[in-house]
C-alpha atoms as a PDB file:
ATOM      1  CA  MET A   1       0.248   0.074   0.022  1.00  0.00           C
ATOM      2  CA  ALA A   2       1.489   3.441  -1.199  1.00  0.00           C
ATOM      3  CA  PHE A   3       2.034   5.806   1.776  1.00  0.00           C
ATOM      4  CA  GLY A   4      -0.710   8.091   0.406  1.00  0.00           C
ATOM      5  CA  GLU A   5      -3.283   5.564   0.405  1.00  0.00           C
ATOM      6  CA  ILE A   6      -2.341   4.757   4.184  1.00  0.00           C
ATOM      7  CA  VAL A   7      -2.839   8.448   5.147  1.00  0.00           C
ATOM      8  CA  ALA A   8      -6.276   8.388   3.236  1.00  0.00           C
ATOM      9  CA  ALA A   9      -6.955   5.374   5.153  1.00  0.00           C
ATOM     10  CA  ILE A  10      -5.884   6.682   8.797  1.00  0.00           C
ATOM     11  CA  LYS A  11      -8.186   9.976   7.722  1.00  0.00           C
ATOM     12  CA  LYS A  12     -10.863   7.765   6.866  1.00  0.00           C
ATOM     13  CA  ILE A  13     -10.958   5.954  10.349  1.00  0.00           C
ATOM     14  CA  PHE A  14     -10.997   9.101  12.567  1.00  0.00           C
ATOM     15  CA  ALA A  15     -13.313  10.991  10.070  1.00  0.00           C
ATOM     16  CA  GLY A  16     -16.366   9.822  12.292  1.00  0.00           C
ATOM     17  CA  TYR A  17     -14.457  11.046  15.755  1.00  0.00           C
ATOM     18  CA  GLU A  18     -16.150  14.146  17.210  1.00  0.00           C
ATOM     19  CA  LYS A  19     -14.602  17.363  16.152  1.00  0.00           C
ATOM     20  CA  MET A  20     -13.124  19.323  19.088  1.00  0.00           C
ATOM     21  CA  SER A  21     -15.000  22.477  19.671  1.00  0.00           C
ATOM     22  CA  TYR A  22     -13.163  25.957  20.534  1.00  0.00           C
ATOM     23  CA  ILE A  23     -14.185  29.702  20.390  1.00  0.00           C
ATOM     24  CA  THR A  24     -11.385  32.372  20.531  1.00  0.00           C
ATOM     25  CA  THR A  25     -11.705  35.273  22.923  1.00  0.00           C
ATOM     26  CA  ASN A  26     -11.240  38.865  22.449  1.00  0.00           C
ATOM     27  CA  ASP A  27      -7.736  38.434  23.450  1.00  0.00           C
ATOM     28  CA  GLY A  28      -6.763  35.720  21.484  1.00  0.00           C
ATOM     29  CA  VAL A  29      -7.349  32.720  23.794  1.00  0.00           C
ATOM     30  CA  GLU A  30      -8.687  29.300  22.700  1.00  0.00           C
ATOM     31  CA  ILE A  31     -11.114  28.207  25.026  1.00  0.00           C
ATOM     32  CA  TYR A  32     -12.630  24.506  24.427  1.00  0.00           C
ATOM     33  CA  TYR A  33     -16.034  23.557  25.190  1.00  0.00           C
ATOM     34  CA  LYS A  34     -18.505  20.835  25.048  1.00  0.00           C
ATOM     35  CA  ASP A  35     -21.872  21.057  24.107  1.00  0.00           C
ATOM     36  CA  TRP A  36     -24.564  18.014  24.173  1.00  0.00           C
ATOM     37  CA  GLY A  37     -28.106  17.421  23.473  1.00  0.00           C
ATOM     38  CA  SER A  38     -31.201  19.768  23.169  1.00  0.00           C
ATOM     39  CA  GLY A  39     -33.797  21.538  24.999  1.00  0.00           C
ATOM     40  CA  SER A  40     -33.317  23.827  28.250  1.00  0.00           C
ATOM     41  CA  PRO A  41     -29.406  24.538  28.658  1.00  0.00           C
ATOM     42  CA  ILE A  42     -27.695  23.756  31.690  1.00  0.00           C
ATOM     43  CA  VAL A  43     -23.973  25.336  32.029  1.00  0.00           C
ATOM     44  CA  PHE A  44     -21.112  23.543  34.262  1.00  0.00           C
ATOM     45  CA  SER A  45     -18.452  25.576  35.569  1.00  0.00           C
ATOM     46  CA  HIS A  46     -15.507  23.424  36.963  1.00  0.00           C
ATOM     47  CA  GLY A  47     -13.182  23.751  39.914  1.00  0.00           C
ATOM     48  CA  TRP A  48      -9.484  24.160  40.223  1.00  0.00           C
ATOM     49  CA  PRO A  49      -7.063  22.653  38.943  1.00  0.00           C
ATOM     50  CA  LEU A  50      -9.784  20.344  36.953  1.00  0.00           C
ATOM     51  CA  SER A  51     -11.566  20.703  33.651  1.00  0.00           C
ATOM     52  CA  SER A  52     -14.669  20.482  32.144  1.00  0.00           C
ATOM     53  CA  ASP A  53     -14.436  16.161  32.283  1.00  0.00           C
ATOM     54  CA  ASP A  54     -15.150  16.678  36.126  1.00  0.00           C
ATOM     55  CA  TRP A  55     -18.591  17.074  35.061  1.00  0.00           C
ATOM     56  CA  ASP A  56     -19.032  14.043  32.596  1.00  0.00           C
ATOM     57  CA  THR A  57     -21.012  12.064  34.979  1.00  0.00           C
ATOM     58  CA  HIS A  58     -23.454  14.618  35.615  1.00  0.00           C
ATOM     59  CA  MET A  59     -23.843  16.003  32.027  1.00  0.00           C
ATOM     60  CA  MET A  60     -24.748  12.436  30.873  1.00  0.00           C
ATOM     61  CA  PHE A  61     -27.411  12.239  33.334  1.00  0.00           C
ATOM     62  CA  PHE A  62     -28.949  15.618  32.393  1.00  0.00           C
ATOM     63  CA  VAL A  63     -28.255  15.040  28.520  1.00  0.00           C
ATOM     64  CA  ASN A  64     -29.767  11.815  28.847  1.00  0.00           C
ATOM     65  CA  HIS A  65     -33.183  13.547  30.055  1.00  0.00           C
ATOM     66  CA  GLY A  66     -33.513  15.986  27.413  1.00  0.00           C
ATOM     67  CA  PHE A  67     -31.529  18.514  28.317  1.00  0.00           C
ATOM     68  CA  ARG A  68     -28.981  20.596  26.568  1.00  0.00           C
ATOM     69  CA  VAL A  69     -25.699  20.459  28.535  1.00  0.00           C
ATOM     70  CA  VAL A  70     -22.351  22.757  28.194  1.00  0.00           C
ATOM     71  CA  ALA A  71     -19.281  22.753  29.856  1.00  0.00           C
ATOM     72  CA  HIS A  72     -15.820  24.460  28.917  1.00  0.00           C
ATOM     73  CA  ASP A  73     -12.117  23.919  30.182  1.00  0.00           C
ATOM     74  CA  ARG A  74     -11.222  27.452  32.094  1.00  0.00           C
ATOM     75  CA  ARG A  75      -8.498  29.258  30.268  1.00  0.00           C
ATOM     76  CA  GLY A  76      -4.965  27.696  31.191  1.00  0.00           C
ATOM     77  CA  HIS A  77      -6.804  24.266  32.073  1.00  0.00           C
ATOM     78  CA  GLY A  78      -7.634  21.165  30.390  1.00  0.00           C
ATOM     79  CA  ARG A  79      -7.765  21.504  26.628  1.00  0.00           C
ATOM     80  CA  SER A  80      -7.803  25.223  26.420  1.00  0.00           C
ATOM     81  CA  SER A  81      -5.024  27.486  25.511  1.00  0.00           C
ATOM     82  CA  GLN A  82      -2.066  27.780  28.126  1.00  0.00           C
ATOM     83  CA  THR A  83      -1.990  31.259  28.293  1.00  0.00           C
ATOM     84  CA  GLY A  84       0.467  33.159  30.585  1.00  0.00           C
ATOM     85  CA  ASP A  85      -2.011  35.897  31.930  1.00  0.00           C
ATOM     86  CA  GLY A  86      -5.733  36.456  32.598  1.00  0.00           C
ATOM     87  CA  HIS A  87      -5.807  34.151  35.456  1.00  0.00           C
ATOM     88  CA  ASP A  88      -8.534  36.210  37.368  1.00  0.00           C
ATOM     89  CA  MET A  89     -12.180  36.365  37.865  1.00  0.00           C
ATOM     90  CA  ASP A  90     -12.618  39.034  35.369  1.00  0.00           C
ATOM     91  CA  HIS A  91     -11.213  36.926  32.557  1.00  0.00           C
ATOM     92  CA  TYR A  92     -12.739  33.489  33.845  1.00  0.00           C
ATOM     93  CA  ALA A  93     -16.330  35.571  33.519  1.00  0.00           C
ATOM     94  CA  ASP A  94     -15.500  36.765  30.148  1.00  0.00           C
ATOM     95  CA  ASP A  95     -14.646  33.703  28.798  1.00  0.00           C
ATOM     96  CA  LEU A  96     -17.952  32.012  30.128  1.00  0.00           C
ATOM     97  CA  ALA A  97     -19.639  34.662  28.529  1.00  0.00           C
ATOM     98  CA  ALA A  98     -17.881  34.167  25.487  1.00  0.00           C
ATOM     99  CA  VAL A  99     -19.249  30.437  25.249  1.00  0.00           C
ATOM    100  CA  THR A 100     -22.747  31.330  26.049  1.00  0.00           C
ATOM    101  CA  ASN A 101     -22.900  34.249  23.562  1.00  0.00           C
ATOM    102  CA  HIS A 102     -21.212  32.105  20.843  1.00  0.00           C
ATOM    103  CA  LEU A 103     -23.584  29.054  21.687  1.00  0.00           C
ATOM    104  CA  ASP A 104     -26.773  31.807  21.931  1.00  0.00           C
ATOM    105  CA  LEU A 105     -27.851  30.062  25.202  1.00  0.00           C
ATOM    106  CA  LYS A 106     -30.885  31.505  26.695  1.00  0.00           C
ATOM    107  CA  GLY A 107     -32.306  30.608  29.982  1.00  0.00           C
ATOM    108  CA  ALA A 108     -29.678  28.551  31.259  1.00  0.00           C
ATOM    109  CA  VAL A 109     -29.323  27.118  34.623  1.00  0.00           C
ATOM    110  CA  HIS A 110     -25.555  27.808  35.443  1.00  0.00           C
ATOM    111  CA  ILE A 111     -23.989  24.962  37.954  1.00  0.00           C
ATOM    112  CA  GLY A 112     -20.513  26.116  39.437  1.00  0.00           C
ATOM    113  CA  HIS A 113     -18.158  23.818  41.981  1.00  0.00           C
ATOM    114  CA  SER A 114     -15.692  25.337  43.793  1.00  0.00           C
ATOM    115  CA  THR A 115     -13.793  28.137  41.661  1.00  0.00           C
ATOM    116  CA  GLY A 116     -16.505  27.665  39.129  1.00  0.00           C
ATOM    117  CA  GLY A 117     -18.990  28.889  41.546  1.00  0.00           C
ATOM    118  CA  GLY A 118     -16.864  32.019  41.980  1.00  0.00           C
ATOM    119  CA  GLU A 119     -17.075  32.312  38.231  1.00  0.00           C
ATOM    120  CA  VAL A 120     -21.017  32.019  37.728  1.00  0.00           C
ATOM    121  CA  VAL A 121     -21.098  34.605  40.248  1.00  0.00           C
ATOM    122  CA  TRP A 122     -18.871  37.252  38.724  1.00  0.00           C
ATOM    123  CA  TYR A 123     -20.292  36.282  35.261  1.00  0.00           C
ATOM    124  CA  ILE A 124     -23.656  37.249  36.144  1.00  0.00           C
ATOM    125  CA  ALA A 125     -22.605  40.514  38.044  1.00  0.00           C
ATOM    126  CA  ARG A 126     -20.506  41.524  35.042  1.00  0.00           C
ATOM    127  CA  HIS A 127     -22.535  40.438  31.764  1.00  0.00           C
ATOM    128  CA  GLY A 128     -26.083  40.683  33.514  1.00  0.00           C
ATOM    129  CA  GLU A 129     -28.753  38.150  33.809  1.00  0.00           C
ATOM    130  CA  ASP A 130     -30.423  38.329  30.300  1.00  0.00           C
ATOM    131  CA  ARG A 131     -29.343  34.602  29.300  1.00  0.00           C
ATOM    132  CA  VAL A 132     -29.636  33.144  32.875  1.00  0.00           C
ATOM    133  CA  ALA A 133     -32.811  31.272  34.500  1.00  0.00           C
ATOM    134  CA  LYS A 134     -31.170  29.861  37.827  1.00  0.00           C
ATOM    135  CA  ALA A 135     -27.393  29.464  39.373  1.00  0.00           C
ATOM    136  CA  VAL A 136     -26.419  26.760  41.520  1.00  0.00           C
ATOM    137  CA  LEU A 137     -23.151  27.087  43.649  1.00  0.00           C
ATOM    138  CA  ILE A 138     -21.856  23.923  44.660  1.00  0.00           C
ATOM    139  CA  SER A 139     -18.839  23.896  47.842  1.00  0.00           C
ATOM    140  CA  SER A 140     -18.295  27.340  46.023  1.00  0.00           C
ATOM    141  CA  VAL A 141     -15.517  29.821  46.915  1.00  0.00           C
ATOM    142  CA  PRO A 142     -17.742  32.511  47.400  1.00  0.00           C
ATOM    143  CA  PRO A 143     -18.043  34.833  49.452  1.00  0.00           C
ATOM    144  CA  LEU A 144     -14.695  34.791  50.525  1.00  0.00           C
ATOM    145  CA  MET A 145     -12.063  32.028  51.339  1.00  0.00           C
ATOM    146  CA  LEU A 146      -9.575  34.076  52.645  1.00  0.00           C
ATOM    147  CA  LYS A 147      -8.957  34.817  56.418  1.00  0.00           C
ATOM    148  CA  THR A 148      -9.460  38.591  56.925  1.00  0.00           C
ATOM    149  CA  THR A 149     -10.499  40.837  59.636  1.00  0.00           C
ATOM    150  CA  ALA A 150     -13.986  40.985  58.203  1.00  0.00           C
ATOM    151  CA  ASN A 151     -13.946  37.316  57.402  1.00  0.00           C
ATOM    152  CA  PRO A 152     -12.140  35.577  60.686  1.00  0.00           C
ATOM    153  CA  GLY A 153     -13.434  32.057  59.634  1.00  0.00           C
ATOM    154  CA  GLY A 154     -11.456  31.948  56.410  1.00  0.00           C
ATOM    155  CA  THR A 155      -8.453  30.097  55.751  1.00  0.00           C
ATOM    156  CA  PRO A 156      -5.050  31.696  56.342  1.00  0.00           C
ATOM    157  CA  LYS A 157      -2.939  33.018  53.396  1.00  0.00           C
ATOM    158  CA  GLU A 158       0.059  30.778  54.576  1.00  0.00           C
ATOM    159  CA  VAL A 159      -2.446  27.977  53.378  1.00  0.00           C
ATOM    160  CA  PHE A 160      -2.683  29.181  49.875  1.00  0.00           C
ATOM    161  CA  ASP A 161       0.792  30.241  49.756  1.00  0.00           C
ATOM    162  CA  GLY A 162       1.807  26.543  50.564  1.00  0.00           C
ATOM    163  CA  PHE A 163      -0.644  25.418  47.492  1.00  0.00           C
ATOM    164  CA  GLN A 164       1.387  27.984  45.028  1.00  0.00           C
ATOM    165  CA  ALA A 165       4.550  26.397  46.597  1.00  0.00           C
ATOM    166  CA  GLN A 166       3.762  22.826  45.752  1.00  0.00           C
ATOM    167  CA  VAL A 167       2.079  23.851  42.131  1.00  0.00           C
ATOM    168  CA  ALA A 168       5.154  25.427  41.324  1.00  0.00           C
ATOM    169  CA  ASN A 169       7.824  23.178  42.626  1.00  0.00           C
ATOM    170  CA  ASN A 170       6.055  19.363  42.593  1.00  0.00           C
ATOM    171  CA  ARG A 171       2.398  19.640  41.229  1.00  0.00           C
ATOM    172  CA  ALA A 172       2.350  16.093  40.122  1.00  0.00           C
ATOM    173  CA  GLN A 173       2.803  14.930  43.471  1.00  0.00           C
ATOM    174  CA  PHE A 174       0.475  17.580  45.150  1.00  0.00           C
ATOM    175  CA  TYR A 175      -2.448  16.627  42.913  1.00  0.00           C
ATOM    176  CA  ARG A 176      -2.228  13.031  43.584  1.00  0.00           C
ATOM    177  CA  ASP A 177      -1.998  13.606  47.198  1.00  0.00           C
ATOM    178  CA  PHE A 178      -4.807  16.376  47.253  1.00  0.00           C
ATOM    179  CA  ALA A 179      -7.088  13.819  45.221  1.00  0.00           C
ATOM    180  CA  ALA A 180      -6.179  11.004  47.472  1.00  0.00           C
ATOM    181  CA  GLY A 181      -6.707  12.963  50.562  1.00  0.00           C
ATOM    182  CA  PRO A 182      -8.862  15.757  51.352  1.00  0.00           C
ATOM    183  CA  PHE A 183     -10.539  16.768  48.504  1.00  0.00           C
ATOM    184  CA  TYR A 184     -12.570  13.529  48.090  1.00  0.00           C
ATOM    185  CA  GLY A 185     -12.729  13.256  51.599  1.00  0.00           C
ATOM    186  CA  TYR A 186     -10.279  10.231  51.870  1.00  0.00           C
ATOM    187  CA  ASN A 187      -8.600  11.345  54.786  1.00  0.00           C
ATOM    188  CA  ARG A 188     -11.554  10.619  57.006  1.00  0.00           C
ATOM    189  CA  PRO A 189     -11.445   7.705  59.204  1.00  0.00           C
ATOM    190  CA  GLY A 190     -13.224   4.613  57.219  1.00  0.00           C
ATOM    191  CA  ALA A 191     -13.220   6.277  53.916  1.00  0.00           C
ATOM    192  CA  LYS A 192     -12.518   4.023  51.119  1.00  0.00           C
ATOM    193  CA  GLN A 193     -10.563   5.357  47.901  1.00  0.00           C
ATOM    194  CA  GLN A 194     -11.584   4.637  44.491  1.00  0.00           C
ATOM    195  CA  GLU A 195      -8.066   4.926  42.387  1.00  0.00           C
ATOM    196  CA  GLY A 196     -10.022   5.768  39.062  1.00  0.00           C
ATOM    197  CA  ILE A 197     -11.320   8.694  40.631  1.00  0.00           C
ATOM    198  CA  ILE A 198      -8.253   9.765  42.093  1.00  0.00           C
ATOM    199  CA  GLU A 199      -6.252   9.120  39.107  1.00  0.00           C
ATOM    200  CA  ASN A 200      -8.858  10.906  36.832  1.00  0.00           C
ATOM    201  CA  CYS A 201      -8.621  13.939  39.150  1.00  0.00           C
ATOM    202  CA  TRP A 202      -4.822  13.992  38.565  1.00  0.00           C
ATOM    203  CA  ARG A 203      -4.977  13.674  34.691  1.00  0.00           C
ATOM    204  CA  GLN A 204      -7.285  16.733  34.637  1.00  0.00           C
ATOM    205  CA  GLY A 205      -4.807  18.533  36.652  1.00  0.00           C
ATOM    206  CA  MET A 206      -1.741  17.716  34.814  1.00  0.00           C
ATOM    207  CA  MET A 207      -3.681  18.616  31.530  1.00  0.00           C
ATOM    208  CA  GLY A 208      -3.708  22.137  32.609  1.00  0.00           C
ATOM    209  CA  GLY A 209      -0.760  24.731  32.850  1.00  0.00           C
ATOM    210  CA  ALA A 210       1.321  25.381  36.029  1.00  0.00           C
ATOM    211  CA  LYS A 211       0.941  28.925  35.332  1.00  0.00           C
ATOM    212  CA  ALA A 212      -2.543  29.099  35.209  1.00  0.00           C
ATOM    213  CA  HIS A 213      -3.093  27.190  38.171  1.00  0.00           C
ATOM    214  CA  TYR A 214      -0.455  29.106  40.355  1.00  0.00           C
ATOM    215  CA  ASP A 215      -2.569  32.396  39.669  1.00  0.00           C
ATOM    216  CA  GLY A 216      -5.729  31.035  39.847  1.00  0.00           C
ATOM    217  CA  ILE A 217      -5.220  30.204  43.622  1.00  0.00           C
ATOM    218  CA  VAL A 218      -4.958  34.004  43.990  1.00  0.00           C
ATOM    219  CA  ALA A 219      -8.280  34.374  41.961  1.00  0.00           C
ATOM    220  CA  PHE A 220      -9.995  31.771  43.976  1.00  0.00           C
ATOM    221  CA  ALA A 221      -8.517  32.459  47.309  1.00  0.00           C
ATOM    222  CA  GLN A 222      -8.389  36.356  47.302  1.00  0.00           C
ATOM    223  CA  THR A 223     -11.599  37.625  45.179  1.00  0.00           C
ATOM    224  CA  ASP A 224     -14.395  38.767  47.542  1.00  0.00           C
ATOM    225  CA  PHE A 225     -18.001  38.167  46.390  1.00  0.00           C
ATOM    226  CA  THR A 226     -19.663  39.561  49.822  1.00  0.00           C
ATOM    227  CA  GLU A 227     -21.701  42.331  48.106  1.00  0.00           C
ATOM    228  CA  ASP A 228     -22.601  40.483  45.154  1.00  0.00           C
ATOM    229  CA  LEU A 229     -24.147  37.684  47.437  1.00  0.00           C
ATOM    230  CA  LYS A 230     -25.291  40.154  50.172  1.00  0.00           C
ATOM    231  CA  LYS A 231     -28.812  40.042  48.999  1.00  0.00           C
ATOM    232  CA  ASP A 232     -29.091  36.749  47.959  1.00  0.00           C
ATOM    233  CA  HIS A 233     -32.074  35.542  49.710  1.00  0.00           C
ATOM    234  CA  ARG A 234     -34.119  38.803  48.487  1.00  0.00           C
ATOM    235  CA  ALA A 235     -33.428  37.284  45.279  1.00  0.00           C
ATOM    236  CA  ARG A 236     -31.309  40.597  43.746  1.00  0.00           C
ATOM    237  CA  VAL A 237     -27.444  40.311  43.638  1.00  0.00           C
ATOM    238  CA  GLY A 238     -24.853  42.374  42.527  1.00  0.00           C
ATOM    239  CA  ASP A 239     -22.883  45.219  43.103  1.00  0.00           C
ATOM    240  CA  ALA A 240     -22.651  48.421  41.150  1.00  0.00           C
ATOM    241  CA  ARG A 241     -18.984  48.752  41.657  1.00  0.00           C
ATOM    242  CA  ARG A 242     -18.684  45.562  39.792  1.00  0.00           C
ATOM    243  CA  ARG A 243     -21.284  45.486  37.569  1.00  0.00           C
ATOM    244  CA  ARG A 244     -20.458  46.267  33.657  1.00  0.00           C
ATOM    245  CA  SER A 245     -23.903  45.487  32.275  1.00  0.00           C
ATOM    246  CA  GLY A 246     -25.481  48.515  34.015  1.00  0.00           C
ATOM    247  CA  ARG A 247     -28.663  46.518  35.014  1.00  0.00           C
ATOM    248  CA  PRO A 248     -29.706  45.079  38.093  1.00  0.00           C
ATOM    249  CA  VAL A 249     -29.263  41.175  38.822  1.00  0.00           C
ATOM    250  CA  ARG A 250     -32.396  39.640  39.921  1.00  0.00           C
ATOM    251  CA  ARG A 251     -31.946  35.781  40.514  1.00  0.00           C
ATOM    252  CA  ARG A 252     -32.675  33.101  42.835  1.00  0.00           C
ATOM    253  CA  TRP A 253     -29.435  31.143  44.233  1.00  0.00           C
ATOM    254  CA  ALA A 254     -29.280  27.427  45.023  1.00  0.00           C
ATOM    255  CA  VAL A 255     -26.001  27.645  47.448  1.00  0.00           C
ATOM    256  CA  VAL A 256     -25.130  24.570  48.842  1.00  0.00           C
ATOM    257  CA  GLY A 257     -22.019  23.228  50.887  1.00  0.00           C
ATOM    258  CA  LYS A 258     -18.668  24.957  51.889  1.00  0.00           C
ATOM    259  CA  ALA A 259     -15.457  25.045  49.882  1.00  0.00           C
ATOM    260  CA  ARG A 260     -13.670  25.070  53.349  1.00  0.00           C
ATOM    261  CA  GLU A 261     -12.222  22.155  55.168  1.00  0.00           C
ATOM    262  CA  ASP A 262     -15.003  20.155  57.512  1.00  0.00           C
ATOM    263  CA  ARG A 263     -14.177  17.755  59.673  1.00  0.00           C
ATOM    264  CA  GLY A 264     -11.008  16.935  57.936  1.00  0.00           C
ATOM    265  CA  GLY A 265     -12.011  16.881  54.374  1.00  0.00           C
ATOM    266  CA  PHE A 266     -13.472  19.093  52.075  1.00  0.00           C
ATOM    267  CA  ARG A 267     -17.571  18.906  51.540  1.00  0.00           C
ATOM    268  CA  CYS A 268     -17.200  18.933  47.728  1.00  0.00           C
ATOM    269  CA  ARG A 269     -18.433  15.920  46.139  1.00  0.00           C
ATOM    270  CA  HIS A 270     -21.114  15.368  48.946  1.00  0.00           C
ATOM    271  CA  ALA A 271     -22.528  18.814  47.996  1.00  0.00           C
ATOM    272  CA  VAL A 272     -22.142  18.304  44.189  1.00  0.00           C
ATOM    273  CA  ARG A 273     -24.698  15.243  44.976  1.00  0.00           C
ATOM    274  CA  GLU A 274     -27.046  17.390  46.825  1.00  0.00           C
ATOM    275  CA  ALA A 275     -27.277  20.208  45.142  1.00  0.00           C
ATOM    276  CA  LEU A 276     -27.686  18.216  41.713  1.00  0.00           C
ATOM    277  CA  ILE A 277     -30.573  16.487  43.613  1.00  0.00           C
ATOM    278  CA  ARG A 278     -32.271  19.559  44.566  1.00  0.00           C
ATOM    279  CA  LEU A 279     -31.820  20.755  40.587  1.00  0.00           C
ATOM    280  CA  GLN A 280     -33.067  17.442  39.393  1.00  0.00           C
ATOM    281  CA  ARG A 281     -36.184  17.999  41.352  1.00  0.00           C
ATOM    282  CA  SER A 282     -36.535  21.614  40.588  1.00  0.00           C
ATOM    283  CA  VAL A 283     -36.776  20.917  37.012  1.00  0.00           C
ATOM    284  CA  GLY A 284     -39.138  18.292  37.103  1.00  0.00           C
ATOM    285  CA  PHE A 285     -37.727  14.811  38.143  1.00  0.00           C
ATOM    286  CA  HIS A 286     -38.474  13.198  41.148  1.00  0.00           C
ATOM    287  CA  GLN A 287     -36.771   9.782  41.174  1.00  0.00           C
ATOM    288  CA  GLU A 288     -33.047   9.762  42.988  1.00  0.00           C
ATOM    289  CA  LEU A 289     -29.749  10.232  41.261  1.00  0.00           C
ATOM    290  CA  ARG A 290     -28.110   6.655  40.720  1.00  0.00           C
ATOM    291  CA  GLY A 291     -24.627   5.733  40.549  1.00  0.00           C
ATOM    292  CA  GLY A 292     -21.734   7.770  39.534  1.00  0.00           C
ATOM    293  CA  TYR A 293     -21.225  10.354  42.130  1.00  0.00           C
ATOM    294  CA  SER A 294     -18.565  10.045  44.275  1.00  0.00           C
ATOM    295  CA  LYS A 295     -19.436   9.902  47.900  1.00  0.00           C
END
C-alpha cells in the first residue's frame, strides 16, 4: 500500500470522531467546550485545577433526560490555551460569556463548583442576567475564602501560599496527594479510596498549565464576592461597582456546601450530589440520582 493510501485510510478511520470545539476570546485565547443534546440548557463551570471532564457523569445524566448540557475548560485548564496571563475572575467571567454568546444560550441554569461557583457569580454580576434562569453554587468559593478581619472564619493566607509553592515545585505529586486525601474526603476515618477517581482528578490537573493553576489560587482564594451575594435571599444580587452591564441582577440562587475544610475533608463531592438532586427535582424529576457520584 502506497504512503498516500495509508494516510487516506487513517483519515477515514478518524473521520467519524467528534471534532473538538473551540471559541477564540477577544484576547486571542482558545477555549474548549462541550455542547451535547438539545432542550433547556444547563451550563457547568468546573473547579480548580480540573477541567470540564469533571462534569461528565452529571452531563450524561441530564443529556439523557432531555437537556442541552454545556461545559468549558477554563483558560489555562484542560484543552484550552495555556496562556500566561488573564487568570482572574474578570477573564474567567468574560470567557464564560464568550461561550454562552457563541452558543446563543438563553434561559440557562448555571452550575458552578468551587472556583466555578465564583466564576458563575462574577459572570452574572459582570454580564447581567439576560441569559440566566437559575444559578447553583456547589461547595463554592464565594463569598470569600481568605481569612481577613472581616472574615475571621476564612482560611489563612499561608495555606494558599503553600498551595502555590507545591504547584510551582512538584504539582504532579501535589495533585495526587490532594485527590487521595482531603479533596474527596478520603482522609476521613473509614473512607474507601477509589483509584479511578483519584487518577482522573490527577489527569485533569496535569492537562492544565502550571502558571494558570498558580495564578488561579489567588483568584479563587482572594476574590471577595461578599457584596455580590449579600442580597441573595431577596433574589437581588450584584454590586454596581463590579457590574458592567448597568442592569440589576435579580436571580434566585441555590447555595450548597462550603469550600473550606470540614471535619478533616472538603465537603465537595457530597455537596455536588446534594445540589444536583435539588436541581433535578426543581426541573421536574422526582426519582433519585443513581450511581456515578463520588461519596
